[in-house]
Amino acid sequence: MSPVVRDLAAPARFVRARSAIAALFCSLGFQYATWAAQIPAIKKDLGLTAGEVGMLLMAAGVGSAVSFPLVAVAMRRLGSRRLAPASQLGLTLLLLALAAAPNYPVALLVMCVDGVLVGCLNVAMNAQGAAALEAGYARNAMARLHATFSGGSLLAALLASGVRTLTPSVGSHFAVAACVLVLLGGYARTGLLPDDDPGEGPRKQARGRWTLPSRVTLWMCCAMVFGTIAEGAMNDWSTLYLREIAQASARTAPLGIAVVSGTMVLARLFADGRRARWGDGRVVLLGSALAAAGLAFALVGGGVVTALVGFACVGLGIAAVTPCVYAAAAKQGSDTLTLVAAMGTTGLLAGPPLIGFVADASSLAWGMAAVAASAAVVSLCSTRIRWTPTGAAAR
């Protein structure tokens, strides 16, 4: 057991560190949802077609996908404690740059850089949460940290709605959002943990040379990609599915996002307890199976109520996938965590456009079927990952 666990002051330091790291997770969700909420306005201001908007979204995914070598080097040289606030500040500035983008090529460049910095922050904050916090204090925390990501997205949606009632200006909205991000970043900076807390294994790997990923690492990457595809696609396509396929009213259709986000936050708030009782492997296996079966039920059954029930199953089931896989990757070392996190960011950003391409080639129902299939793939991958006790379960 780590010496920090026996320290009488450890519980207070754990809470302070968890709050600081949670501010980073909240920042990422907030920044992502802030620019996503203004896509229609950006489309209008720059005179973009639907295809160009799709490429704009894809640019962020491409930036994230190619960021792995840069993030690996940055993690070795800076460590998560310095990389996290630096990338969070960069994402804050990119909001202002996107608002000021004079044309489509500049906006594409901004979104590509955004993907790179999202990759940096995603790796650094998950290293803080899984390697420094959970392993250092032997307490489960990752699910609740990921809940603050969803909470940040909700906060951004509320802010976007509020600012929109006052002004349609994208620049004004992004300026207010940047102030919120500065406050979150300042709070996080004072409570982040040293990178050498978790133990010798990850630290040695971070200082060594990068090696080819193991078979277990590849299964983790697969689970992360398909898990984040399911998570991201539900947020982006659920409203449109309710409106066009389930024939919901314009007032009812937005409930799709609310149901998915609400159940996901709720599940993540209580998932750490399930992780301690059941183990991460069973949580991922059962959760992803529930998501796949629930969404398949919604697609076959049809109707608004059936769809909302299915969406709730996705939110409840897929919520704990990424926290558990991140925790497992952190146990394999910094390079594994970096690669798995890069795959997660890629799936989150590139997944929704890919589902859109499927829907365009066939129908939105088939696009959502691809989401259900993604959740089923996660369930399969979970049986191939070597899970070890995490946090409280490791005692």
Protein backbone atom coordinates (compact mmCIF):
# COMPACT_ATOMS: atom_id res chain seq x y z
CA MET A 1 0.00 0.00 0.00
CA SER A 2 1.32 3.48 -0.83
CA PRO A 3 2.58 5.53 2.15
CA VAL A 4 0.17 8.29 1.23
CA VAL A 5 -2.76 6.04 2.11
CA ARG A 6 -1.60 5.71 5.73
CA ASP A 7 -1.16 9.48 6.10
CA LEU A 8 -3.91 10.94 8.29
CA ALA A 9 -4.10 13.97 5.99
CA ALA A 10 -4.53 11.79 2.90
CA PRO A 11 -8.37 11.97 2.73
CA ALA A 12 -8.33 15.77 2.57
CA ARG A 13 -5.58 15.77 -0.04
CA PHE A 14 -7.45 13.14 -2.03
CA VAL A 15 -10.59 15.29 -2.13
CA ARG A 16 -8.59 18.39 -3.10
CA ALA A 17 -6.74 16.54 -5.87
CA ARG A 18 -9.95 14.92 -7.12
CA SER A 19 -11.61 18.34 -7.32
CA ALA A 20 -8.67 19.80 -9.24
CA ILE A 21 -8.62 16.92 -11.72
CA ALA A 22 -12.41 17.10 -12.03
CA ALA A 23 -12.00 20.73 -13.12
CA LEU A 24 -9.90 19.50 -16.04
CA PHE A 25 -12.53 16.94 -17.06
CA CYS A 26 -15.21 19.61 -16.77
CA SER A 27 -13.09 21.94 -18.93
CA LEU A 28 -12.78 19.43 -21.73
CA GLY A 29 -16.50 18.68 -21.81
CA PHE A 30 -17.30 22.38 -21.59
CA GLN A 31 -14.94 23.41 -24.39
CA TYR A 32 -16.12 20.62 -26.69
CA ALA A 33 -19.81 21.36 -26.20
CA THR A 34 -19.27 25.12 -26.48
CA TRP A 35 -18.01 25.08 -30.04
CA ALA A 36 -20.39 22.24 -30.98
CA ALA A 37 -23.34 24.38 -29.86
CA GLN A 38 -22.31 27.09 -32.34
CA ILE A 39 -21.88 24.86 -35.40
CA PRO A 40 -25.06 26.23 -37.06
CA ALA A 41 -23.88 29.82 -36.51
CA ILE A 42 -20.36 29.04 -37.77
CA LYS A 43 -21.88 27.35 -40.81
CA LYS A 44 -23.88 30.46 -41.55
CA ASP A 45 -21.08 32.96 -40.86
CA LEU A 46 -18.57 31.17 -43.10
CA GLY A 47 -21.13 30.15 -45.73
CA LEU A 48 -20.38 26.42 -45.43
CA THR A 49 -22.16 23.49 -46.99
CA ALA A 50 -23.21 20.44 -45.01
CA GLY A 51 -20.23 18.55 -46.42
CA GLU A 52 -17.83 21.29 -45.37
CA VAL A 53 -19.28 21.20 -41.86
CA GLY A 54 -18.64 17.45 -41.82
CA MET A 55 -15.02 18.05 -42.84
CA LEU A 56 -14.71 20.69 -40.13
CA LEU A 57 -15.80 18.12 -37.55
CA MET A 58 -13.51 15.52 -39.08
CA ALA A 59 -10.54 17.91 -38.85
CA ALA A 60 -10.68 17.71 -35.07
CA GLY A 61 -10.69 13.93 -35.25
CA VAL A 62 -7.73 13.94 -37.65
CA GLY A 63 -5.81 16.25 -35.34
CA SER A 64 -6.44 13.92 -32.44
CA ALA A 65 -5.50 10.82 -34.44
CA VAL A 66 -2.11 12.22 -35.50
CA SER A 67 -1.35 13.69 -32.07
CA PHE A 68 -0.14 10.44 -30.50
CA PRO A 69 3.62 10.90 -31.18
CA LEU A 70 3.47 14.51 -29.97
CA VAL A 71 1.51 13.63 -26.85
CA ALA A 72 3.87 10.75 -26.02
CA VAL A 73 6.88 13.08 -26.20
CA ALA A 74 5.09 15.81 -24.25
CA MET A 75 4.14 13.37 -21.50
CA ARG A 76 7.75 12.23 -21.15
CA ARG A 77 9.20 15.73 -21.07
CA LEU A 78 6.51 17.69 -19.25
CA GLY A 79 4.54 15.10 -17.32
CA SER A 80 0.78 15.24 -16.83
CA ARG A 81 1.03 17.88 -14.10
CA ARG A 82 2.41 20.48 -16.53
CA LEU A 83 0.90 19.23 -19.79
CA ALA A 84 -2.69 19.32 -18.50
CA PRO A 85 -2.92 23.05 -17.63
CA ALA A 86 -0.89 24.04 -20.71
CA SER A 87 -3.21 22.19 -23.10
CA GLN A 88 -6.30 23.43 -21.21
CA LEU A 89 -5.13 27.02 -21.72
CA GLY A 90 -4.47 26.32 -25.39
CA LEU A 91 -8.02 25.02 -25.85
CA THR A 92 -9.32 28.18 -24.20
CA LEU A 93 -7.45 30.36 -26.70
CA LEU A 94 -8.62 28.21 -29.62
CA LEU A 95 -12.23 29.09 -28.85
CA LEU A 96 -11.38 32.73 -29.46
CA ALA A 97 -9.41 31.81 -32.59
CA LEU A 98 -12.38 29.87 -33.99
CA ALA A 99 -14.70 32.81 -33.37
CA ALA A 100 -12.28 35.09 -35.24
CA ALA A 101 -11.59 32.67 -38.13
CA PRO A 102 -12.04 34.71 -41.34
CA ASN A 103 -12.57 31.79 -43.71
CA TYR A 104 -13.00 28.05 -44.03
CA PRO A 105 -9.29 27.06 -44.39
CA VAL A 106 -8.40 28.92 -41.19
CA ALA A 107 -11.32 27.29 -39.37
CA LEU A 108 -10.09 23.87 -40.56
CA LEU A 109 -6.62 24.62 -39.19
CA VAL A 110 -8.05 25.77 -35.87
CA MET A 111 -10.11 22.60 -35.52
CA CYS A 112 -7.15 20.41 -36.41
CA VAL A 113 -5.04 22.07 -33.69
CA ASP A 114 -8.03 21.73 -31.36
CA GLY A 115 -7.93 17.97 -31.92
CA VAL A 116 -4.24 17.86 -31.07
CA LEU A 117 -4.73 19.79 -27.83
CA VAL A 118 -7.78 17.71 -26.91
CA GLY A 119 -5.52 14.68 -27.27
CA CYS A 120 -2.94 16.28 -24.98
CA LEU A 121 -5.46 17.22 -22.30
CA ASN A 122 -7.27 13.90 -22.53
CA VAL A 123 -4.08 11.93 -21.88
CA ALA A 124 -2.81 14.26 -19.16
CA MET A 125 -6.04 14.47 -17.16
CA ASN A 126 -6.62 10.70 -17.35
CA ALA A 127 -3.03 10.11 -16.22
CA GLN A 128 -3.74 12.38 -13.27
CA GLY A 129 -6.97 10.54 -12.50
CA ALA A 130 -5.96 6.92 -13.09
CA ALA A 131 -2.23 6.82 -12.38
CA ALA A 132 -1.71 9.58 -9.84
CA LEU A 133 -5.05 9.65 -8.00
CA GLU A 134 -6.53 6.13 -8.11
CA ALA A 135 -3.23 4.26 -7.87
CA GLY A 136 -1.64 6.75 -5.50
CA TYR A 137 -4.51 6.74 -3.01
CA ALA A 138 -5.95 3.26 -3.73
CA ARG A 139 -9.45 4.71 -4.13
CA ASN A 140 -11.81 4.56 -7.12
CA ALA A 141 -12.43 7.94 -8.72
CA MET A 142 -12.38 7.66 -12.51
CA ALA A 143 -16.11 7.25 -13.07
CA ARG A 144 -16.95 10.37 -11.06
CA LEU A 145 -14.23 12.29 -12.88
CA HIS A 146 -15.78 11.32 -16.20
CA ALA A 147 -19.15 12.40 -14.84
CA THR A 148 -17.79 15.94 -14.59
CA PHE A 149 -16.93 15.76 -18.31
CA SER A 150 -20.61 15.16 -19.02
CA GLY A 151 -21.49 17.85 -16.50
CA GLY A 152 -19.22 20.28 -18.34
CA SER A 153 -21.07 19.54 -21.58
CA LEU A 154 -24.38 20.23 -19.86
CA LEU A 155 -23.05 23.48 -18.40
CA ALA A 156 -21.88 24.57 -21.85
CA ALA A 157 -25.30 23.84 -23.35
CA LEU A 158 -27.03 25.93 -20.68
CA LEU A 159 -24.56 28.79 -21.16
CA ALA A 160 -25.01 28.69 -24.92
CA SER A 161 -28.77 28.88 -24.52
CA GLY A 162 -28.50 31.75 -22.05
CA VAL A 163 -26.09 33.81 -24.13
CA ARG A 164 -28.16 33.17 -27.24
CA THR A 165 -31.12 34.93 -25.63
CA LEU A 166 -28.95 38.05 -25.24
CA THR A 167 -26.90 38.07 -28.43
CA PRO A 168 -26.39 35.87 -31.51
CA SER A 169 -22.68 36.75 -31.59
CA VAL A 170 -20.39 33.72 -31.62
CA GLY A 171 -17.51 35.91 -30.44
CA SER A 172 -19.41 37.09 -27.37
CA HIS A 173 -20.45 33.57 -26.47
CA PHE A 174 -16.91 32.22 -26.84
CA ALA A 175 -15.48 35.13 -24.82
CA VAL A 176 -17.77 34.31 -21.89
CA ALA A 177 -16.94 30.62 -22.24
CA ALA A 178 -13.22 31.44 -22.25
CA CYS A 179 -13.63 33.23 -18.91
CA VAL A 180 -15.26 30.11 -17.46
CA LEU A 181 -12.39 27.97 -18.77
CA VAL A 182 -9.80 30.32 -17.28
CA LEU A 183 -11.45 29.97 -13.86
CA LEU A 184 -11.56 26.18 -14.16
CA GLY A 185 -7.94 26.03 -15.28
CA GLY A 186 -6.79 28.28 -12.44
CA TYR A 187 -8.56 26.10 -9.89
CA ALA A 188 -7.13 22.90 -11.35
CA ARG A 189 -3.55 24.18 -11.46
CA THR A 190 -3.23 24.44 -7.68
CA GLY A 191 -4.24 20.85 -6.86
CA LEU A 192 -2.70 18.55 -9.50
CA LEU A 193 -0.57 15.63 -8.33
CA PRO A 194 3.09 14.86 -9.06
CA ASP A 195 3.59 12.30 -11.79
CA ASP A 196 5.71 10.03 -9.61
CA ASP A 197 2.88 9.22 -7.18
CA PRO A 198 1.56 6.05 -8.80
CA GLY A 199 4.66 3.89 -8.64
CA GLU A 200 7.69 2.73 -10.58
CA GLY A 201 6.05 0.86 -13.47
CA PRO A 202 4.43 3.70 -15.38
CA ARG A 203 7.29 6.05 -14.53
CA LYS A 204 9.91 3.72 -16.00
CA GLN A 205 7.92 3.26 -19.18
CA ALA A 206 7.41 6.99 -19.56
CA ARG A 207 11.17 7.56 -19.43
CA GLY A 208 12.05 4.71 -21.76
CA ARG A 209 11.69 4.31 -25.46
CA TRP A 210 8.34 3.67 -27.04
CA THR A 211 7.74 0.03 -27.98
CA LEU A 212 5.18 -1.71 -30.12
CA PRO A 213 1.84 -2.10 -28.31
CA SER A 214 1.00 -5.48 -26.83
CA ARG A 215 -2.04 -7.52 -27.80
CA VAL A 216 -3.81 -6.45 -24.61
CA THR A 217 -3.10 -2.81 -25.45
CA LEU A 218 -4.63 -3.25 -28.89
CA TRP A 219 -7.78 -4.72 -27.34
CA MET A 220 -7.93 -1.71 -25.02
CA CYS A 221 -7.59 0.61 -28.01
CA CYS A 222 -10.37 -1.23 -29.81
CA ALA A 223 -12.67 -1.03 -26.78
CA MET A 224 -11.91 2.66 -26.36
CA VAL A 225 -12.50 3.59 -30.00
CA PHE A 226 -15.85 1.81 -30.27
CA GLY A 227 -16.93 2.93 -26.80
CA THR A 228 -16.33 6.59 -27.59
CA ILE A 229 -17.96 6.21 -31.01
CA ALA A 230 -21.11 5.04 -29.26
CA GLU A 231 -20.89 7.80 -26.67
CA GLY A 232 -20.24 10.63 -29.11
CA ALA A 233 -22.67 9.51 -31.79
CA MET A 234 -25.59 9.30 -29.36
CA ASN A 235 -25.07 12.91 -28.32
CA ASP A 236 -24.88 14.11 -31.93
CA TRP A 237 -27.54 11.99 -33.64
CA SER A 238 -30.19 11.14 -31.04
CA THR A 239 -32.20 14.32 -31.61
CA LEU A 240 -32.25 13.88 -35.38
CA TYR A 241 -33.25 10.21 -35.01
CA LEU A 242 -36.19 11.12 -32.81
CA ARG A 243 -37.31 13.82 -35.22
CA GLU A 244 -36.93 12.01 -38.54
CA ILE A 245 -37.30 8.30 -37.72
CA ALA A 246 -39.39 8.18 -34.54
CA GLN A 247 -41.52 11.14 -35.74
CA ALA A 248 -41.19 13.03 -32.45
CA SER A 249 -42.34 16.63 -32.22
CA ALA A 250 -39.86 19.49 -32.34
CA ARG A 251 -40.38 19.97 -28.61
CA THR A 252 -39.81 16.31 -27.75
CA ALA A 253 -36.82 15.59 -30.02
CA PRO A 254 -34.18 17.34 -27.82
CA LEU A 255 -35.07 14.94 -25.01
CA GLY A 256 -32.80 12.42 -26.72
CA ILE A 257 -29.68 14.32 -25.70
CA ALA A 258 -31.12 15.00 -22.26
CA VAL A 259 -31.85 11.30 -21.65
CA VAL A 260 -28.44 10.11 -22.85
CA SER A 261 -26.50 12.82 -20.98
CA GLY A 262 -28.62 12.56 -17.82
CA THR A 263 -28.40 8.79 -17.51
CA MET A 264 -24.69 8.89 -18.29
CA VAL A 265 -23.98 11.41 -15.54
CA LEU A 266 -26.13 9.43 -13.10
CA ALA A 267 -24.41 6.16 -13.96
CA ARG A 268 -20.94 7.66 -13.65
CA LEU A 269 -21.70 9.15 -10.25
CA PHE A 270 -22.38 5.64 -8.88
CA ALA A 271 -20.13 3.54 -11.13
CA ASP A 272 -17.11 3.64 -8.81
CA GLY A 273 -19.09 1.67 -6.25
CA ARG A 274 -19.96 -0.96 -8.86
CA ARG A 275 -16.32 -1.12 -9.89
CA ALA A 276 -15.33 -1.89 -6.31
CA ARG A 277 -18.00 -4.62 -5.95
CA TRP A 278 -17.96 -6.26 -9.38
CA GLY A 279 -14.59 -5.38 -10.88
CA ASP A 280 -13.94 -3.27 -13.98
CA GLY A 281 -14.17 -6.18 -16.43
CA ARG A 282 -17.70 -7.14 -15.44
CA VAL A 283 -18.83 -3.50 -15.39
CA VAL A 284 -17.61 -2.98 -18.97
CA LEU A 285 -18.97 -6.31 -20.23
CA LEU A 286 -22.46 -5.92 -18.78
CA GLY A 287 -22.68 -2.20 -19.45
CA SER A 288 -21.75 -2.38 -23.13
CA ALA A 289 -24.07 -5.37 -23.61
CA LEU A 290 -26.91 -3.35 -22.07
CA ALA A 291 -26.16 -0.43 -24.40
CA ALA A 292 -26.12 -2.65 -27.50
CA ALA A 293 -29.30 -4.54 -26.57
CA GLY A 294 -31.17 -1.41 -25.47
CA LEU A 295 -30.45 0.50 -28.66
CA ALA A 296 -31.26 -2.53 -30.82
CA PHE A 297 -34.58 -2.80 -28.98
CA ALA A 298 -35.28 0.87 -29.72
CA LEU A 299 -34.50 0.49 -33.42
CA VAL A 300 -36.67 -2.60 -33.83
CA GLY A 301 -39.56 -1.42 -31.66
CA GLY A 302 -39.89 2.07 -33.13
CA GLY A 303 -41.75 4.95 -31.54
CA VAL A 304 -40.67 7.83 -29.32
CA VAL A 305 -41.05 6.13 -25.93
CA THR A 306 -39.21 3.02 -27.09
CA ALA A 307 -36.41 5.16 -28.48
CA LEU A 308 -36.03 7.10 -25.23
CA VAL A 309 -35.89 3.85 -23.24
CA GLY A 310 -33.22 2.54 -25.59
CA PHE A 311 -31.25 5.78 -25.32
CA ALA A 312 -31.40 5.51 -21.53
CA CYS A 313 -29.92 2.01 -21.77
CA VAL A 314 -27.06 3.38 -23.85
CA GLY A 315 -26.36 6.14 -21.34
CA LEU A 316 -26.47 3.78 -18.37
CA GLY A 317 -24.45 1.06 -20.07
CA ILE A 318 -21.73 2.93 -21.90
CA ALA A 319 -21.01 5.42 -19.08
CA ALA A 320 -18.39 3.36 -17.24
CA VAL A 321 -16.57 2.00 -20.29
CA THR A 322 -14.05 4.78 -20.77
CA PRO A 323 -13.22 5.25 -17.04
CA CYS A 324 -12.53 1.53 -16.65
CA VAL A 325 -10.43 1.22 -19.81
CA TYR A 326 -8.41 4.31 -18.88
CA ALA A 327 -7.73 2.84 -15.44
CA ALA A 328 -6.60 -0.46 -17.00
CA ALA A 329 -4.37 1.35 -19.50
CA ALA A 330 -2.73 3.41 -16.76
CA LYS A 331 -1.61 0.19 -15.08
CA GLN A 332 0.30 -0.72 -18.26
CA GLY A 333 2.29 2.52 -18.23
CA SER A 334 2.37 6.00 -19.73
CA ASP A 335 2.80 4.94 -23.37
CA THR A 336 -0.18 2.59 -23.19
CA LEU A 337 -2.32 5.26 -21.56
CA THR A 338 -1.25 7.77 -24.21
CA LEU A 339 -2.13 5.46 -27.09
CA VAL A 340 -5.46 4.37 -25.59
CA ALA A 341 -6.41 7.98 -24.81
CA ALA A 342 -5.52 9.05 -28.35
CA MET A 343 -7.81 6.33 -29.70
CA GLY A 344 -10.56 7.48 -27.34
CA THR A 345 -10.32 11.08 -28.48
CA THR A 346 -10.30 9.95 -32.11
CA GLY A 347 -13.44 7.88 -31.60
CA LEU A 348 -15.22 10.70 -29.78
CA LEU A 349 -14.44 13.30 -32.45
CA ALA A 350 -14.42 11.18 -35.62
CA GLY A 351 -17.24 8.80 -34.67
CA PRO A 352 -20.19 11.15 -35.20
CA PRO A 353 -19.11 12.14 -38.75
CA LEU A 354 -18.56 8.47 -39.61
CA ILE A 355 -22.06 7.62 -38.41
CA GLY A 356 -23.25 10.50 -40.57
CA PHE A 357 -21.55 8.97 -43.60
CA VAL A 358 -23.30 5.65 -42.91
CA ALA A 359 -26.63 7.43 -42.55
CA ASP A 360 -26.04 9.34 -45.78
CA ALA A 361 -25.23 6.15 -47.67
CA SER A 362 -28.24 4.24 -46.33
CA SER A 363 -30.45 5.74 -43.63
CA LEU A 364 -30.19 7.18 -40.13
CA ALA A 365 -31.67 3.96 -38.75
CA TRP A 366 -28.69 2.05 -40.14
CA GLY A 367 -26.39 4.70 -38.75
CA MET A 368 -27.82 4.13 -35.27
CA ALA A 369 -27.55 0.38 -35.85
CA ALA A 370 -23.83 0.96 -36.34
CA VAL A 371 -23.80 2.59 -32.90
CA ALA A 372 -25.41 -0.51 -31.37
CA ALA A 373 -22.85 -2.67 -33.16
CA SER A 374 -20.06 -0.50 -31.72
CA ALA A 375 -21.32 -1.16 -28.20
CA ALA A 376 -21.42 -4.90 -28.95
CA VAL A 377 -17.79 -4.75 -30.11
CA VAL A 378 -16.85 -3.18 -26.76
CA SER A 379 -18.49 -6.10 -24.97
CA LEU A 380 -16.40 -8.52 -27.02
CA CYS A 381 -13.18 -6.58 -26.40
CA SER A 382 -13.78 -6.59 -22.65
CA THR A 383 -13.36 -10.37 -22.59
CA ARG A 384 -9.86 -10.03 -24.08
CA ILE A 385 -8.51 -7.39 -21.71
CA ARG A 386 -6.53 -8.40 -18.64
CA TRP A 387 -8.32 -6.61 -15.83
CA THR A 388 -6.73 -6.10 -12.42
CA PRO A 389 -8.31 -4.77 -9.20
CA THR A 390 -8.52 -0.98 -9.15
CA GLY A 391 -8.68 1.49 -6.29
CA ALA A 392 -10.72 0.22 -3.37
CA ALA A 393 -11.06 -3.20 -4.94
CA ALA A 394 -7.29 -3.62 -4.81
CA ARG A 395 -7.10 -3.43 -1.02
